Amino acid sequence: MRNTPVNYQVAKRVIESYGLNDFGKATIREVVAISGQLEKESGTEFIHMEMGVPGLKPARVGVDAEIKALQNGIAAIYPNINGLQDLKNEASRFIKAFINTGISPEHCVPVTGSMQGTYASFLTCGQCDAKKDVILFIDPGFPVQKQQITVMGYKYVSFDVYEYRGEKLRGVLEEYLSEGNIAAMVYSNPNNPAWFCLTESELKTIGEVATKYDTIVIEDLAYFAMDFRKNLGTPFQPPYQPSVSHYTDYYILQISGSKAFSYAGQRIAVTAISDKLYDRVYSGLTNRYGGGTFGTVYIHRVLYALSSGTSHSAQYALAAMFKAASDGSFNFVDEIKEYGKRAARLKEIFVKHGFHIVYDHDLDVPIADGFYFTISYPGMTGGELMEELIYYGISAISLSTTGSQQQGLRACTSFIKPNQYDLLDERLALFKKNNPQGENGQSGVKSSTAR
């Protein structure tokens, strides 16, 4: 039995207690629970890279605004389902300042995090046209969004964009959308988990094909302006956050406070519905609800049924953060560049010990350093690598759970502590010793857990 930082018998017992037929398909929450239990039982410090939780302090301007709102008694008042007017105004201004897209304030709607925003978007899009009952995922993507589709009983299809970057993207989109059953398509940009960024030409392709087949585009901007290769933090000046909104009229933007403003705990985001989509009447919605436009159904039927409003005080916080960012008094991008610095150091350590970066380029440009990165190890599947690293006190999630067809893991930089770079270096040195690579680049053993 090889020596590993986490006792093999303890780890094996804990993993088996979760009854997972395939450890590589464990959800993010299951990996968090397993690593947390092992850390407690074994007394071994874990390097947690499994969950995308912000690791920086929340934006002060938001905290101050929320405290003031609470002190003024706002907690006693139900929020308007349409949203706080100040937030709607500032959301519209923020979108203009950093995306250079015009969306009416009335069409910017607060939601309890982008999770609720996408759920409501999927639900509404799937009811517009009886012939269109499928959601298309441009993968890899956030695993829970597919869980949302399953919960609501919808259907989805997906493809891994790894092999379809650039000009190849048009062909695969045509293949899916020409079937005539795609209600909406969704992707994140920057991408969770791979951190690639779709280019302007690729977004133009998405917009053109979506317009051709009358398909709604849901753009998840959870990691807004976090492509740190560009200076995206100056309001009303290029370069702007790339967006499909420049290339089609029927789109929904999900803009979250969680990562860009480190405000995840208050579950606050804005769903911004394009002006033409908001005002459009769909036969499917009319038949189901007796009338209304896409936007009014989204707010007064779907959102109202889900939550009857979004946290009142958190709306004041997001309004203040949007305003400060658009005013130029709060450079939120500078605040979160720490993630890029962490990623650069972590990737260097992994590569040093024989790992590879799976999604490593945006076409011919090296990928950005940011909130996530992807790793693989020769001779191991993603599931095998995920389990093997657990024995070294390192936790991440398999790319297979994200819709990726590549073998490897998603690693998040947010929980890394200053002392853990050296710790990671030591553990990966031991990992490499226990899992030597042959001359052909393949691991000398399938997995050191096969004892």
Protein backbone atom coordinates (compact mmCIF):
# COMPACT_ATOMS: atom_id res chain seq x y z
CA MET A 1 0.00 0.00 0.00
CA ARG A 2 1.49 3.34 -1.05
CA ASN A 3 1.79 6.20 1.39
CA THR A 4 -0.69 9.01 0.70
CA PRO A 5 -1.57 12.09 2.79
CA VAL A 6 -5.12 10.82 3.43
CA ASN A 7 -5.40 7.34 4.94
CA TYR A 8 -6.52 4.98 2.19
CA GLN A 9 -8.89 2.89 4.32
CA VAL A 10 -10.60 5.94 5.79
CA ALA A 11 -11.02 7.55 2.37
CA LYS A 12 -12.31 4.37 0.79
CA ARG A 13 -14.88 3.89 3.56
CA VAL A 14 -16.15 7.47 3.28
CA ILE A 15 -16.40 7.38 -0.51
CA GLU A 16 -18.23 4.03 -0.47
CA SER A 17 -20.68 5.30 2.17
CA TYR A 18 -22.16 7.68 -0.46
CA GLY A 19 -23.24 4.75 -2.65
CA LEU A 20 -21.92 6.24 -5.87
CA ASN A 21 -21.75 3.77 -8.74
CA ASP A 22 -19.36 6.07 -10.59
CA PHE A 23 -17.33 8.47 -8.46
CA GLY A 24 -16.52 10.49 -11.57
CA LYS A 25 -20.20 11.44 -11.84
CA ALA A 26 -20.44 12.77 -8.29
CA THR A 27 -22.11 16.16 -8.08
CA ILE A 28 -20.30 19.24 -6.82
CA ARG A 29 -22.17 19.06 -3.51
CA GLU A 30 -21.30 15.38 -3.08
CA VAL A 31 -17.61 16.07 -3.63
CA VAL A 32 -17.80 18.95 -1.14
CA ALA A 33 -19.43 16.66 1.43
CA ILE A 34 -16.92 13.83 0.90
CA SER A 35 -13.86 16.08 1.06
CA GLY A 36 -15.24 17.90 4.10
CA GLN A 37 -15.94 14.65 5.94
CA LEU A 38 -12.49 13.28 5.07
CA GLU A 39 -10.82 16.47 6.22
CA LYS A 40 -12.60 16.18 9.56
CA GLU A 41 -12.05 12.45 10.08
CA SER A 42 -8.44 12.26 8.86
CA GLY A 43 -7.22 15.57 10.24
CA THR A 44 -5.59 16.24 6.85
CA GLU A 45 -5.90 19.72 5.38
CA PHE A 46 -7.62 19.59 1.99
CA ILE A 47 -6.88 21.77 -1.00
CA HIS A 48 -10.45 22.50 -2.05
CA MET A 49 -10.90 23.20 -5.76
CA GLU A 50 -14.29 21.56 -6.27
CA MET A 51 -16.80 24.35 -5.68
CA GLY A 52 -17.01 27.73 -7.38
CA VAL A 53 -17.61 29.84 -4.30
CA PRO A 54 -16.09 33.35 -4.21
CA GLY A 55 -13.04 33.53 -1.99
CA LEU A 56 -12.77 37.32 -1.71
CA LYS A 57 -14.48 39.82 0.57
CA PRO A 58 -17.80 41.21 -0.69
CA ALA A 59 -17.75 44.63 -2.31
CA ARG A 60 -17.94 47.21 0.48
CA VAL A 61 -20.19 49.55 -1.47
CA GLY A 62 -22.82 46.80 -1.66
CA VAL A 63 -22.57 45.87 2.01
CA ASP A 64 -22.95 49.50 3.10
CA ALA A 65 -25.99 50.05 0.89
CA GLU A 66 -27.69 46.89 2.14
CA ILE A 67 -27.04 47.73 5.79
CA LYS A 68 -28.50 51.19 5.27
CA ALA A 69 -31.59 49.73 3.59
CA LEU A 70 -32.10 47.29 6.46
CA GLN A 71 -31.66 50.03 9.04
CA ASN A 72 -34.34 52.00 7.21
CA GLY A 73 -36.80 49.13 7.71
CA ILE A 74 -36.87 47.70 4.19
CA ALA A 75 -36.99 44.13 5.53
CA ALA A 76 -40.61 44.68 6.58
CA ILE A 77 -41.78 45.44 3.04
CA TYR A 78 -42.45 42.95 0.25
CA PRO A 79 -40.32 43.77 -2.80
CA ASN A 80 -42.07 44.69 -6.02
CA ILE A 81 -42.01 41.64 -8.32
CA ASN A 82 -40.75 43.89 -11.14
CA GLY A 83 -37.80 44.94 -9.01
CA LEU A 84 -36.50 48.06 -7.28
CA GLN A 85 -36.59 50.90 -9.79
CA ASP A 86 -33.12 52.13 -8.83
CA LEU A 87 -31.73 48.66 -9.51
CA LYS A 88 -33.51 48.43 -12.86
CA ASN A 89 -32.12 51.82 -13.87
CA GLU A 90 -28.59 51.01 -12.77
CA ALA A 91 -28.67 47.54 -14.36
CA SER A 92 -29.60 49.10 -17.70
CA ARG A 93 -26.82 51.67 -17.31
CA PHE A 94 -24.28 48.99 -16.27
CA ILE A 95 -25.10 46.90 -19.35
CA LYS A 96 -24.58 49.96 -21.55
CA ALA A 97 -21.35 50.88 -19.74
CA PHE A 98 -19.67 47.46 -19.90
CA ILE A 99 -21.34 45.60 -22.80
CA ASN A 100 -22.33 48.61 -24.94
CA THR A 101 -25.81 47.17 -25.34
CA GLY A 102 -29.04 49.06 -24.78
CA ILE A 103 -31.76 47.35 -22.75
CA SER A 104 -34.67 49.25 -21.22
CA PRO A 105 -34.63 49.48 -17.40
CA GLU A 106 -38.08 47.91 -17.31
CA HIS A 107 -36.68 44.80 -18.96
CA CYS A 108 -33.97 44.29 -16.30
CA VAL A 109 -35.45 42.07 -13.60
CA PRO A 110 -33.87 41.11 -10.25
CA VAL A 111 -33.72 37.38 -9.50
CA THR A 112 -32.44 35.34 -6.57
CA GLY A 113 -29.15 34.59 -8.30
CA SER A 114 -28.57 33.54 -11.88
CA MET A 115 -29.67 30.04 -10.88
CA GLN A 116 -33.23 31.30 -10.57
CA GLY A 117 -32.78 33.47 -13.64
CA THR A 118 -31.83 30.53 -15.84
CA TYR A 119 -34.56 28.31 -14.37
CA ALA A 120 -37.22 30.90 -15.16
CA SER A 121 -35.69 31.49 -18.59
CA PHE A 122 -35.68 27.79 -19.51
CA LEU A 123 -39.24 27.42 -18.27
CA THR A 124 -40.57 30.40 -20.23
CA CYS A 125 -38.63 29.69 -23.44
CA GLY A 126 -39.91 26.11 -23.49
CA GLN A 127 -43.53 27.30 -23.44
CA CYS A 128 -43.37 29.77 -26.34
CA ASP A 129 -43.91 27.35 -29.21
CA ALA A 130 -45.38 23.86 -28.94
CA LYS A 131 -43.03 22.63 -31.68
CA LYS A 132 -39.94 23.81 -29.81
CA ASP A 133 -39.49 21.81 -26.62
CA VAL A 134 -35.70 21.26 -26.43
CA ILE A 135 -32.93 23.35 -24.85
CA LEU A 136 -29.50 23.24 -26.51
CA PHE A 137 -26.42 23.41 -24.29
CA ILE A 138 -23.15 24.60 -25.78
CA ASP A 139 -20.97 22.56 -23.46
CA PRO A 140 -19.06 22.25 -21.25
CA GLY A 141 -21.33 24.05 -18.83
CA PHE A 142 -22.67 24.42 -15.32
CA PRO A 143 -23.97 20.93 -14.35
CA VAL A 144 -26.90 22.21 -12.29
CA GLN A 145 -28.49 23.85 -15.32
CA LYS A 146 -29.12 20.41 -16.79
CA GLN A 147 -30.55 19.38 -13.43
CA GLN A 148 -32.96 22.30 -13.75
CA ILE A 149 -34.10 20.96 -17.12
CA THR A 150 -34.63 17.52 -15.57
CA VAL A 151 -36.60 18.97 -12.65
CA MET A 152 -39.01 20.78 -14.97
CA GLY A 153 -39.40 17.75 -17.22
CA TYR A 154 -37.97 19.38 -20.33
CA LYS A 155 -35.64 17.86 -22.90
CA TYR A 156 -32.15 18.98 -23.81
CA VAL A 157 -29.36 18.22 -26.26
CA SER A 158 -25.74 19.28 -26.06
CA PHE A 159 -22.37 19.23 -27.76
CA ASP A 160 -18.83 19.80 -26.52
CA VAL A 161 -17.57 22.92 -28.27
CA TYR A 162 -13.96 21.73 -27.84
CA GLU A 163 -13.89 20.43 -31.42
CA TYR A 164 -16.11 23.18 -32.88
CA ARG A 165 -14.35 26.45 -32.25
CA GLY A 166 -14.15 29.16 -34.90
CA GLU A 167 -15.72 28.48 -38.29
CA LYS A 168 -16.68 24.94 -37.26
CA LEU A 169 -19.26 26.35 -34.83
CA ARG A 170 -21.69 27.38 -37.56
CA GLY A 171 -21.97 23.88 -38.96
CA VAL A 172 -22.80 22.19 -35.67
CA LEU A 173 -25.31 24.90 -34.72
CA GLU A 174 -27.01 24.52 -38.11
CA GLU A 175 -27.18 20.78 -37.56
CA TYR A 176 -29.06 21.16 -34.26
CA LEU A 177 -31.23 24.20 -34.97
CA SER A 178 -32.35 23.05 -38.40
CA GLU A 179 -34.33 20.30 -36.65
CA GLY A 180 -36.82 23.03 -35.73
CA ASN A 181 -37.31 21.92 -32.12
CA ILE A 182 -34.78 24.09 -30.25
CA ALA A 183 -36.52 26.64 -28.04
CA ALA A 184 -33.35 28.21 -26.66
CA MET A 185 -29.61 27.70 -26.40
CA VAL A 186 -27.40 28.47 -23.43
CA TYR A 187 -23.69 28.93 -22.74
CA SER A 188 -21.45 30.76 -20.27
CA ASN A 189 -18.81 33.30 -21.30
CA PRO A 190 -16.18 33.14 -19.79
CA ASN A 191 -16.90 29.45 -19.66
CA ASN A 192 -17.59 27.41 -16.56
CA PRO A 193 -15.71 25.02 -16.29
CA ALA A 194 -13.13 25.44 -19.06
CA TRP A 195 -12.58 29.21 -18.84
CA PHE A 196 -12.32 29.64 -22.59
CA CYS A 197 -13.97 32.77 -23.96
CA LEU A 198 -16.06 32.71 -27.11
CA THR A 199 -14.73 35.27 -29.58
CA GLU A 200 -16.69 38.06 -31.22
CA SER A 201 -16.78 36.08 -34.47
CA GLU A 202 -18.15 33.02 -32.65
CA LEU A 203 -20.80 35.09 -30.88
CA LYS A 204 -21.73 36.62 -34.24
CA THR A 205 -22.18 33.10 -35.59
CA ILE A 206 -24.40 32.16 -32.64
CA GLY A 207 -26.49 35.27 -33.15
CA GLU A 208 -26.89 34.76 -36.89
CA VAL A 209 -27.86 31.10 -36.63
CA ALA A 210 -30.24 31.81 -33.74
CA THR A 211 -31.92 34.55 -35.78
CA LYS A 212 -32.21 32.29 -38.82
CA TYR A 213 -34.06 29.62 -36.83
CA ASP A 214 -35.90 31.96 -34.45
CA THR A 215 -34.18 30.57 -31.35
CA ILE A 216 -33.71 32.48 -28.09
CA VAL A 217 -30.13 32.78 -26.79
CA ILE A 218 -29.50 32.65 -23.03
CA GLU A 219 -26.08 34.13 -22.26
CA ASP A 220 -24.86 33.30 -18.76
CA LEU A 221 -22.46 36.07 -17.70
CA ALA A 222 -21.79 34.73 -14.21
CA TYR A 223 -18.10 35.63 -14.63
CA PHE A 224 -18.71 39.07 -16.02
CA ALA A 225 -15.62 40.86 -17.40
CA MET A 226 -13.31 38.21 -15.93
CA ASP A 227 -11.27 37.65 -19.08
CA PHE A 228 -8.25 39.32 -17.54
CA ARG A 229 -6.34 39.35 -20.84
CA LYS A 230 -8.35 42.48 -21.70
CA ASN A 231 -9.08 45.67 -19.77
CA LEU A 232 -12.84 45.25 -19.44
CA GLY A 233 -13.22 47.37 -16.32
CA THR A 234 -13.51 50.90 -17.74
CA PRO A 235 -17.13 52.06 -18.11
CA PHE A 236 -18.37 53.38 -21.44
CA GLN A 237 -15.06 52.64 -23.15
CA PRO A 238 -13.94 49.68 -25.27
CA PRO A 239 -13.02 46.92 -25.00
CA TYR A 240 -16.44 45.75 -23.80
CA GLN A 241 -17.58 42.40 -22.44
CA PRO A 242 -18.22 40.32 -25.59
CA SER A 243 -21.89 39.45 -25.98
CA VAL A 244 -24.34 37.87 -28.39
CA SER A 245 -26.56 40.90 -27.77
CA HIS A 246 -24.67 42.66 -30.56
CA TYR A 247 -25.73 40.05 -33.11
CA THR A 248 -29.36 39.03 -32.48
CA ASP A 249 -32.56 40.62 -31.22
CA TYR A 250 -33.88 37.74 -29.12
CA TYR A 251 -31.64 37.09 -26.14
CA ILE A 252 -31.54 36.96 -22.35
CA LEU A 253 -28.51 38.04 -20.31
CA GLN A 254 -27.90 36.65 -16.83
CA ILE A 255 -25.74 39.09 -14.82
CA SER A 256 -24.85 37.87 -11.35
CA GLY A 257 -23.54 39.66 -8.30
CA SER A 258 -21.92 36.47 -7.00
CA LYS A 259 -18.50 36.42 -8.66
CA ALA A 260 -17.92 39.89 -10.11
CA PHE A 261 -18.88 41.55 -6.82
CA SER A 262 -18.20 38.61 -4.44
CA TYR A 263 -21.81 38.88 -3.28
CA ALA A 264 -22.85 35.24 -3.61
CA GLY A 265 -24.37 34.87 -0.15
CA GLN A 266 -27.23 37.28 -0.82
CA ARG A 267 -28.40 35.44 -3.96
CA ILE A 268 -28.83 38.47 -6.19
CA ALA A 269 -28.64 38.83 -9.96
CA VAL A 270 -30.41 40.50 -12.85
CA THR A 271 -32.07 38.84 -15.82
CA ALA A 272 -31.94 41.30 -18.70
CA ILE A 273 -34.40 40.50 -21.49
CA SER A 274 -33.83 42.18 -24.85
CA ASP A 275 -36.39 44.81 -25.69
CA LYS A 276 -37.76 42.93 -28.71
CA LEU A 277 -37.99 39.63 -26.85
CA TYR A 278 -39.64 41.25 -23.81
CA ASP A 279 -42.40 42.73 -25.99
CA ARG A 280 -42.92 39.70 -28.21
CA VAL A 281 -46.18 37.75 -28.04
CA TYR A 282 -45.90 33.96 -28.45
CA SER A 283 -48.86 31.71 -29.23
CA GLY A 284 -47.75 29.13 -26.70
CA LEU A 285 -47.71 31.67 -23.88
CA THR A 286 -51.07 33.10 -24.94
CA ASN A 287 -52.64 29.64 -24.97
CA ARG A 288 -51.23 28.79 -21.56
CA TYR A 289 -51.70 32.07 -19.71
CA GLY A 290 -54.43 33.83 -21.69
CA GLY A 291 -52.20 36.64 -22.88
CA GLY A 292 -49.09 38.64 -22.08
CA THR A 293 -45.72 39.16 -23.71
CA PHE A 294 -42.60 37.10 -23.10
CA GLY A 295 -41.41 39.60 -20.51
CA THR A 296 -44.65 39.99 -18.61
CA VAL A 297 -45.14 36.23 -18.48
CA TYR A 298 -41.54 35.79 -17.28
CA ILE A 299 -42.09 38.23 -14.41
CA HIS A 300 -45.76 38.06 -13.44
CA ARG A 301 -46.38 34.37 -14.04
CA VAL A 302 -43.12 32.43 -13.77
CA LEU A 303 -41.04 34.48 -11.31
CA TYR A 304 -44.09 35.26 -9.21
CA ALA A 305 -44.81 31.54 -8.88
CA LEU A 306 -41.18 30.79 -7.96
CA SER A 307 -40.46 33.40 -5.31
CA SER A 308 -42.86 36.38 -5.38
CA GLY A 309 -39.85 38.67 -5.43
CA THR A 310 -36.14 38.91 -4.74
CA SER A 311 -34.51 39.85 -1.42
CA HIS A 312 -35.35 43.53 -0.97
CA SER A 313 -32.17 44.65 0.78
CA ALA A 314 -29.93 42.77 -1.66
CA GLN A 315 -31.47 44.76 -4.50
CA TYR A 316 -30.20 47.95 -2.86
CA ALA A 317 -26.74 46.38 -2.64
CA LEU A 318 -26.62 45.41 -6.31
CA ALA A 319 -27.96 48.79 -7.38
CA ALA A 320 -25.17 50.51 -5.45
CA MET A 321 -22.49 48.23 -6.92
CA PHE A 322 -23.76 48.74 -10.46
CA LYS A 323 -23.87 52.51 -9.94
CA ALA A 324 -20.37 52.74 -8.48
CA ALA A 325 -18.97 50.61 -11.30
CA SER A 326 -20.68 52.68 -14.00
CA ASP A 327 -19.63 55.93 -12.30
CA GLY A 328 -16.03 54.75 -12.43
CA SER A 329 -15.57 55.05 -8.68
CA PHE A 330 -15.41 51.27 -8.15
CA ASN A 331 -13.19 49.17 -10.43
CA PHE A 332 -14.71 45.77 -9.72
CA VAL A 333 -12.41 44.04 -12.22
CA ASP A 334 -9.29 45.10 -10.33
CA GLU A 335 -10.85 43.65 -7.18
CA ILE A 336 -11.20 40.15 -8.67
CA LYS A 337 -7.93 39.85 -10.63
CA GLU A 338 -6.63 37.85 -7.66
CA TYR A 339 -8.29 34.80 -9.20
CA GLY A 340 -6.14 35.13 -12.31
CA LYS A 341 -2.98 35.35 -10.22
CA ARG A 342 -3.94 32.20 -8.33
CA ALA A 343 -4.71 30.30 -11.52
CA ALA A 344 -1.33 31.13 -13.03
CA ARG A 345 0.52 29.76 -10.00
CA LEU A 346 -1.66 26.66 -9.69
CA LYS A 347 -1.39 25.77 -13.37
CA GLU A 348 2.38 26.10 -13.19
CA ILE A 349 2.52 23.63 -10.30
CA PHE A 350 0.25 21.09 -11.97
CA VAL A 351 2.14 21.25 -15.28
CA LYS A 352 5.44 20.88 -13.41
CA HIS A 353 4.26 17.50 -12.14
CA GLY A 354 3.12 16.06 -15.46
CA PHE A 355 -0.46 17.35 -15.71
CA HIS A 356 -1.88 18.95 -18.84
CA ILE A 357 -4.29 21.85 -19.25
CA VAL A 358 -7.25 20.38 -21.16
CA TYR A 359 -8.87 23.52 -22.58
CA ASP A 360 -5.69 25.53 -23.12
CA HIS A 361 -6.45 27.89 -26.03
CA ASP A 362 -9.08 30.21 -27.47
CA LEU A 363 -8.41 29.29 -31.07
CA ASP A 364 -4.76 30.40 -31.49
CA VAL A 365 -4.57 32.45 -28.26
CA PRO A 366 -3.54 30.94 -24.89
CA ILE A 367 -6.45 30.73 -22.50
CA ALA A 368 -6.88 33.33 -19.77
CA ASP A 369 -6.02 32.74 -16.12
CA GLY A 370 -9.13 33.09 -14.02
CA PHE A 371 -11.68 31.50 -11.73
CA TYR A 372 -11.40 27.98 -13.20
CA PHE A 373 -8.96 25.87 -15.17
CA THR A 374 -8.98 22.28 -16.40
CA ILE A 375 -6.41 19.53 -15.84
CA SER A 376 -5.75 15.98 -17.01
CA TYR A 377 -3.14 13.35 -16.24
CA PRO A 378 -1.85 10.84 -18.82
CA GLY A 379 -3.36 7.37 -18.53
CA MET A 380 -6.25 8.34 -16.25
CA THR A 381 -9.86 9.08 -16.96
CA GLY A 382 -11.41 12.08 -15.28
CA GLY A 383 -13.16 9.86 -12.76
CA GLU A 384 -9.98 7.96 -11.91
CA LEU A 385 -8.01 11.17 -11.49
CA MET A 386 -10.74 12.72 -9.35
CA GLU A 387 -10.74 9.77 -6.96
CA GLU A 388 -6.96 9.42 -6.91
CA LEU A 389 -6.44 13.07 -5.95
CA ILE A 390 -8.82 12.66 -3.01
CA TYR A 391 -6.16 10.43 -1.39
CA TYR A 392 -3.75 13.34 -1.66
CA GLY A 393 -6.16 15.79 -0.04
CA ILE A 394 -7.00 17.53 -3.33
CA SER A 395 -10.65 17.80 -4.42
CA ALA A 396 -12.02 18.82 -7.82
CA ILE A 397 -14.89 17.73 -10.09
CA SER A 398 -14.83 15.58 -13.22
CA LEU A 399 -15.34 17.28 -16.56
CA SER A 400 -17.80 14.51 -17.46
CA THR A 401 -20.41 16.14 -15.21
CA THR A 402 -20.19 19.37 -17.24
CA GLY A 403 -21.03 17.89 -20.62
CA SER A 404 -17.41 17.82 -21.71
CA GLN A 405 -16.22 14.85 -23.76
CA GLN A 406 -12.64 15.39 -22.57
CA GLN A 407 -11.00 13.40 -19.79
CA GLY A 408 -10.00 15.61 -16.87
CA LEU A 409 -11.09 17.78 -13.98
CA ARG A 410 -12.33 21.28 -13.32
CA ALA A 411 -10.31 23.09 -10.66
CA CYS A 412 -11.47 26.30 -8.98
CA THR A 413 -9.05 28.89 -7.61
CA SER A 414 -11.32 30.61 -5.14
CA PHE A 415 -10.55 28.71 -1.91
CA ILE A 416 -6.77 28.52 -2.32
CA LYS A 417 -4.89 29.81 0.72
CA PRO A 418 -1.39 31.35 0.57
CA ASN A 419 0.19 28.36 2.35
CA GLN A 420 -1.33 25.84 -0.04
CA TYR A 421 0.89 26.45 -3.08
CA ASP A 422 3.83 24.74 -1.37
CA LEU A 423 1.49 22.09 0.02
CA LEU A 424 0.13 21.37 -3.46
CA ASP A 425 3.66 21.17 -4.84
CA GLU A 426 4.61 18.58 -2.21
CA ARG A 427 1.51 16.47 -2.71
CA LEU A 428 1.72 16.46 -6.49
CA ALA A 429 5.38 15.44 -6.28
CA LEU A 430 4.26 12.40 -4.25
CA PHE A 431 1.36 11.82 -6.64
CA LYS A 432 3.75 11.76 -9.61
CA LYS A 433 6.09 9.37 -7.77
CA ASN A 434 3.18 7.00 -7.13
CA ASN A 435 1.83 7.42 -10.67
CA PRO A 436 4.90 7.50 -12.95
CA GLN A 437 4.42 8.19 -16.65
CA GLY A 438 5.90 5.83 -19.21
CA GLU A 439 7.89 6.86 -22.26
CA ASN A 440 4.69 7.21 -24.28
CA GLY A 441 3.31 9.71 -21.80
CA GLN A 442 0.94 7.18 -20.25
CA SER A 443 0.75 6.66 -16.51
CA GLY A 444 2.83 3.69 -15.43
CA VAL A 445 -0.09 2.38 -13.34
CA LYS A 446 -3.78 2.83 -13.84
CA SER A 447 -4.24 4.33 -10.39
CA SER A 448 -2.41 4.04 -7.11
CA THR A 449 -5.72 3.34 -5.40
CA ALA A 450 -5.78 -0.07 -7.13
CA ARG A 451 -3.81 -1.64 -4.31
